[in-house]
Amino acid sequence: MSILSGSDSTVTEKRDRFFALAESLRDSLWRGDALGRSRVSTISTGYPGLDQELPGHGWNVSALTEILWGYQGGGEFRILAPALKSLSQTGKAIVLLGSPYDLIAPALDQYGIEVRNVLIVNAEKPADRLWTAEQILKSGSAGALISWNPTAKAEHLRRLQVAAVSADGLTFILRPANTRHEPSPAPLRLQCDPAPFGQLTVDVFKRRGPSAAAPVLLPAFFPPSMKRALDRAQRSVVVPVETPHVDSLVSSPVASRSGVPTLA
């Protein structure tokens, strides 16, 4: 016989049902001060520090992601390169729609992106870009769609978000930083800005959960050919080392504690 009274048993049953319901909805509910969980699959950005700041720890599939740039050509494409490389090397199509740059095969190849799986679509009018993006998303034929549309309005973004939900791929729209305070239905919004020494800062200012405490700093990117050249140059440089007098070592502000002179 249960030691609980009838009323206690009812309370316990309701409590159990509540926790069971909460567990079933754990991917749909989150605390306002916690990073939300992703209900869809994700693809790693290729940057561990950035992954940690994104719901699901990566780019969300079947969702619109908005990337803003401080100025055109400030490195906003580089943030996508690792994911595009991964998708293209598995045979997925990468569609670049309305790019303001003259994208050339060697440049994409430097990022490790399979050029044969890249489709470049030119559409000058914003309305044409929007219509084309919707058709690509509805077809479900692309592993990733990157669309440049600086004049897109909130209603245009909403149409893209609706179309992205039914697409089994990544959807990005790139816009200038001055649109940051405009309304947007995109569940994830980031701003990229160049940083010293070829680095890149990424400010995750809208996501499922609180804004990121600080921008993420991404390392500089050096193409393989440049890395090889830098390595060769570094190996070929010989720095002459002179043995100074003991007194000069003691008085030198750049002398190390071990007594070995260091470079200022």
Protein backbone atom coordinates (compact mmCIF):
# COMPACT_ATOMS: atom_id res chain seq x y z
CA MET A 1 0.00 0.00 0.00
CA SER A 2 1.30 3.45 -0.91
CA ILE A 3 2.39 5.62 1.99
CA LEU A 4 1.14 8.68 0.06
CA SER A 5 -2.38 9.93 0.57
CA GLY A 6 -4.70 10.36 -2.37
CA SER A 7 -3.93 14.07 -2.66
CA ASP A 8 -0.17 13.49 -2.37
CA SER A 9 -0.33 10.84 -5.06
CA THR A 10 -2.13 13.26 -7.39
CA VAL A 11 0.46 15.97 -6.79
CA THR A 12 3.28 13.51 -7.49
CA GLU A 13 1.61 12.33 -10.69
CA LYS A 14 1.16 15.89 -11.93
CA ARG A 15 4.76 16.71 -11.06
CA ASP A 16 6.02 13.68 -12.97
CA ARG A 17 3.92 14.62 -16.00
CA PHE A 18 5.27 18.18 -15.84
CA PHE A 19 8.90 17.06 -15.80
CA ALA A 20 8.23 14.56 -18.59
CA LEU A 21 6.72 17.35 -20.70
CA ALA A 22 9.62 19.69 -19.91
CA GLU A 23 12.09 17.00 -20.97
CA SER A 24 10.25 16.45 -24.26
CA LEU A 25 10.40 20.19 -24.97
CA ARG A 26 13.99 20.73 -23.84
CA ASP A 27 15.06 21.71 -27.37
CA SER A 28 12.20 24.19 -27.69
CA LEU A 29 12.58 25.96 -24.34
CA TRP A 30 15.58 27.67 -22.83
CA ARG A 31 16.40 30.04 -20.01
CA GLY A 32 16.91 33.62 -21.08
CA ASP A 33 20.41 33.68 -19.58
CA ALA A 34 21.54 30.44 -21.25
CA LEU A 35 22.65 29.59 -24.78
CA GLY A 36 19.79 27.87 -26.61
CA ARG A 37 20.00 24.38 -28.01
CA SER A 38 19.62 23.81 -31.70
CA ARG A 39 16.69 21.68 -32.87
CA VAL A 40 18.28 21.18 -36.28
CA SER A 41 21.57 19.72 -37.42
CA THR A 42 24.64 21.91 -37.48
CA ILE A 43 27.92 22.13 -39.38
CA SER A 44 31.06 23.28 -37.60
CA THR A 45 32.33 26.73 -38.53
CA GLY A 46 35.88 25.39 -38.46
CA TYR A 47 36.73 27.77 -35.60
CA PRO A 48 36.36 26.14 -32.13
CA GLY A 49 36.02 29.48 -30.36
CA LEU A 50 33.18 30.56 -32.63
CA ASP A 51 31.45 27.17 -32.42
CA GLN A 52 31.21 27.60 -28.65
CA GLU A 53 29.25 30.82 -29.11
CA LEU A 54 26.64 29.39 -31.50
CA PRO A 55 23.53 27.37 -30.59
CA GLY A 56 24.26 23.76 -31.50
CA HIS A 57 27.98 24.67 -31.72
CA GLY A 58 28.00 25.39 -35.43
CA TRP A 59 26.13 26.85 -38.40
CA ASN A 60 22.48 25.84 -38.27
CA VAL A 61 21.12 23.91 -41.24
CA SER A 62 17.63 24.96 -42.43
CA ALA A 63 17.91 28.46 -40.95
CA LEU A 64 18.85 31.90 -42.20
CA THR A 65 22.13 33.34 -40.89
CA GLU A 66 22.86 37.02 -41.43
CA ILE A 67 26.46 38.20 -41.60
CA LEU A 68 27.22 41.92 -41.54
CA TRP A 69 30.52 43.50 -42.56
CA GLY A 70 32.16 46.72 -41.41
CA TYR A 71 33.21 47.44 -44.95
CA GLN A 72 32.97 45.40 -48.11
CA GLY A 73 35.85 42.98 -48.47
CA GLY A 74 36.67 43.10 -44.75
CA GLY A 75 37.04 39.33 -44.52
CA GLU A 76 33.40 38.35 -44.25
CA PHE A 77 33.84 35.54 -46.78
CA ARG A 78 36.73 34.01 -44.85
CA ILE A 79 34.48 33.14 -41.91
CA LEU A 80 32.52 30.76 -44.16
CA ALA A 81 35.49 29.12 -45.89
CA PRO A 82 36.00 26.10 -43.55
CA ALA A 83 32.34 25.04 -43.74
CA LEU A 84 32.22 25.59 -47.51
CA LYS A 85 35.38 23.52 -47.89
CA SER A 86 33.82 20.65 -45.94
CA LEU A 87 30.59 20.75 -47.94
CA SER A 88 32.24 21.08 -51.35
CA GLN A 89 34.61 18.19 -50.68
CA THR A 90 31.63 15.93 -50.00
CA GLY A 91 30.11 16.84 -53.36
CA LYS A 92 27.59 19.42 -52.11
CA ALA A 93 26.90 22.41 -54.35
CA ILE A 94 27.94 25.86 -53.13
CA VAL A 95 25.93 28.71 -54.68
CA LEU A 96 27.33 32.25 -54.58
CA LEU A 97 24.57 34.67 -55.51
CA GLY A 98 25.14 38.33 -56.39
CA SER A 99 28.74 38.55 -55.22
CA PRO A 100 30.20 42.07 -55.52
CA TYR A 101 33.64 40.54 -56.09
CA ASP A 102 35.17 38.96 -59.15
CA LEU A 103 35.54 35.52 -57.65
CA ILE A 104 38.21 33.49 -59.38
CA ALA A 105 38.99 29.79 -59.15
CA PRO A 106 42.53 30.10 -57.68
CA ALA A 107 41.22 32.24 -54.81
CA LEU A 108 38.58 29.66 -53.89
CA ASP A 109 41.11 26.87 -54.30
CA GLN A 110 43.39 28.53 -51.76
CA TYR A 111 40.63 27.99 -49.19
CA GLY A 112 40.43 24.30 -50.11
CA ILE A 113 37.01 24.71 -51.75
CA GLU A 114 36.33 22.33 -54.63
CA VAL A 115 35.78 24.76 -57.50
CA ARG A 116 33.88 22.19 -59.59
CA ASN A 117 31.12 22.24 -56.95
CA VAL A 118 30.80 26.05 -56.91
CA LEU A 119 28.07 27.80 -58.88
CA ILE A 120 28.31 31.57 -59.31
CA VAL A 121 25.00 33.28 -60.12
CA ASN A 122 24.88 36.94 -61.14
CA ALA A 123 21.71 38.93 -60.46
CA GLU A 124 22.01 42.71 -60.39
CA LYS A 125 18.51 43.67 -59.28
CA PRO A 126 17.63 43.02 -55.60
CA ALA A 127 14.26 41.58 -56.60
CA ASP A 128 15.97 39.12 -58.95
CA ARG A 129 18.37 38.07 -56.20
CA LEU A 130 15.51 37.46 -53.79
CA TRP A 131 13.51 35.42 -56.30
CA THR A 132 16.57 33.40 -57.33
CA ALA A 133 17.51 32.69 -53.70
CA GLU A 134 13.98 31.45 -52.96
CA GLN A 135 14.01 29.11 -55.96
CA ILE A 136 17.39 27.68 -54.98
CA LEU A 137 16.24 27.06 -51.42
CA LYS A 138 12.95 25.52 -52.51
CA SER A 139 14.77 23.15 -54.86
CA GLY A 140 16.92 21.83 -51.98
CA SER A 141 19.80 21.39 -54.41
CA ALA A 142 22.49 23.41 -52.58
CA GLY A 143 24.64 22.47 -49.65
CA ALA A 144 25.08 26.18 -48.99
CA LEU A 145 23.67 29.41 -50.43
CA ILE A 146 25.55 32.68 -49.89
CA SER A 147 23.65 35.73 -51.08
CA TRP A 148 24.87 39.34 -51.10
CA ASN A 149 21.84 41.63 -50.83
CA PRO A 150 22.67 44.94 -49.09
CA THR A 151 19.26 46.51 -49.71
CA ALA A 152 17.12 43.60 -48.49
CA LYS A 153 14.25 44.64 -46.23
CA ALA A 154 12.76 42.81 -43.25
CA GLU A 155 9.98 41.33 -45.38
CA HIS A 156 12.55 40.02 -47.86
CA LEU A 157 14.54 38.40 -45.07
CA ARG A 158 11.35 36.83 -43.74
CA ARG A 159 10.71 35.20 -47.10
CA LEU A 160 14.25 33.84 -47.13
CA GLN A 161 13.89 32.53 -43.58
CA VAL A 162 10.69 30.69 -44.52
CA ALA A 163 12.35 29.20 -47.59
CA ALA A 164 15.48 28.26 -45.63
CA VAL A 165 13.49 26.18 -43.14
CA SER A 166 12.55 23.72 -45.87
CA ALA A 167 16.07 23.59 -47.34
CA ASP A 168 18.54 20.94 -46.24
CA GLY A 169 21.55 23.21 -46.32
CA LEU A 170 23.18 26.39 -44.99
CA THR A 171 21.70 29.77 -45.91
CA PHE A 172 23.65 33.01 -45.48
CA ILE A 173 22.84 36.57 -46.44
CA LEU A 174 25.59 39.20 -46.34
CA ARG A 175 24.69 42.82 -45.64
CA PRO A 176 26.54 45.99 -44.52
CA ALA A 177 27.02 46.85 -40.84
CA ASN A 178 24.76 49.89 -41.01
CA THR A 179 21.77 47.50 -41.15
CA ARG A 180 22.58 46.12 -37.69
CA HIS A 181 19.75 47.99 -35.97
CA GLU A 182 17.17 47.17 -38.61
CA PRO A 183 14.63 44.45 -37.75
CA SER A 184 15.52 41.00 -39.01
CA PRO A 185 13.85 37.60 -38.59
CA ALA A 186 17.20 35.80 -38.93
CA PRO A 187 17.71 33.75 -35.72
CA LEU A 188 21.47 34.28 -35.94
CA ARG A 189 23.18 37.57 -36.77
CA LEU A 190 26.91 38.31 -36.69
CA GLN A 191 29.14 41.23 -37.57
CA CYS A 192 32.66 40.75 -38.96
CA ASP A 193 35.38 43.36 -38.73
CA PRO A 194 39.08 43.19 -39.60
CA ALA A 195 41.52 43.10 -36.69
CA PRO A 196 45.30 43.71 -36.49
CA PHE A 197 47.75 41.22 -38.00
CA GLY A 198 45.21 39.81 -40.45
CA GLN A 199 42.85 38.58 -37.76
CA LEU A 200 39.06 38.88 -37.79
CA THR A 201 36.62 39.78 -35.02
CA VAL A 202 33.14 38.25 -35.02
CA ASP A 203 30.45 39.84 -32.85
CA VAL A 204 27.55 37.44 -32.26
CA PHE A 205 24.97 40.08 -31.38
CA LYS A 206 21.82 38.03 -32.00
CA ARG A 207 21.37 34.35 -31.25
CA ARG A 208 19.05 32.03 -29.38
CA GLY A 209 20.03 33.18 -25.94
CA PRO A 210 21.95 36.19 -24.60
CA SER A 211 24.34 38.15 -26.76
CA ALA A 212 27.95 37.00 -26.63
CA ALA A 213 29.93 38.64 -23.85
CA ALA A 214 32.71 39.67 -26.24
CA PRO A 215 33.57 39.32 -29.93
CA VAL A 216 35.38 36.18 -31.02
CA LEU A 217 38.85 36.71 -32.48
CA LEU A 218 39.60 34.49 -35.46
CA PRO A 219 43.20 33.84 -36.53
CA ALA A 220 44.74 35.23 -39.69
CA PHE A 221 44.45 33.12 -42.83
CA PHE A 222 47.51 32.42 -44.93
CA PRO A 223 47.12 30.44 -48.17
CA PRO A 224 49.28 27.31 -48.39
CA SER A 225 51.59 28.92 -50.96
CA MET A 226 52.17 31.90 -48.66
CA LYS A 227 52.77 29.61 -45.67
CA ARG A 228 55.43 27.71 -47.59
CA ALA A 229 57.09 30.98 -48.64
CA LEU A 230 57.07 32.27 -45.05
CA ASP A 231 58.52 28.99 -43.77
CA ARG A 232 61.32 29.13 -46.35
CA ALA A 233 62.06 32.75 -45.49
CA GLN A 234 62.15 31.98 -41.78
CA ARG A 235 64.54 29.06 -42.25
CA SER A 236 66.87 31.14 -44.42
CA VAL A 237 67.22 34.00 -41.92
CA VAL A 238 70.32 33.69 -39.71
CA VAL A 239 70.53 36.08 -36.78
CA PRO A 240 74.17 36.69 -35.72
CA VAL A 241 74.70 36.41 -31.98
CA GLU A 242 77.55 38.25 -30.32
CA THR A 243 78.86 37.42 -26.86
CA PRO A 244 78.94 40.70 -24.95
CA HIS A 245 80.98 41.42 -21.85
CA VAL A 246 79.54 40.19 -18.55
CA ASP A 247 79.07 43.78 -17.29
CA SER A 248 76.99 44.69 -20.34
CA LEU A 249 74.74 41.69 -19.70
CA VAL A 250 74.06 42.84 -16.17
CA SER A 251 73.25 46.39 -17.20
CA SER A 252 71.37 45.52 -20.39
CA PRO A 253 67.58 45.96 -20.04
CA VAL A 254 66.96 43.20 -22.57
CA ALA A 255 69.16 40.55 -20.93
CA SER A 256 67.23 37.47 -19.76
CA ARG A 257 67.54 36.00 -16.27
CA SER A 258 69.57 33.12 -17.63
CA GLY A 259 72.27 35.51 -18.81
CA VAL A 260 71.57 34.91 -22.51
CA PRO A 261 70.97 38.12 -24.46
CA THR A 262 67.53 38.49 -26.01
CA LEU A 263 66.35 40.51 -28.96
CA ALA A 264 64.72 43.82 -28.08
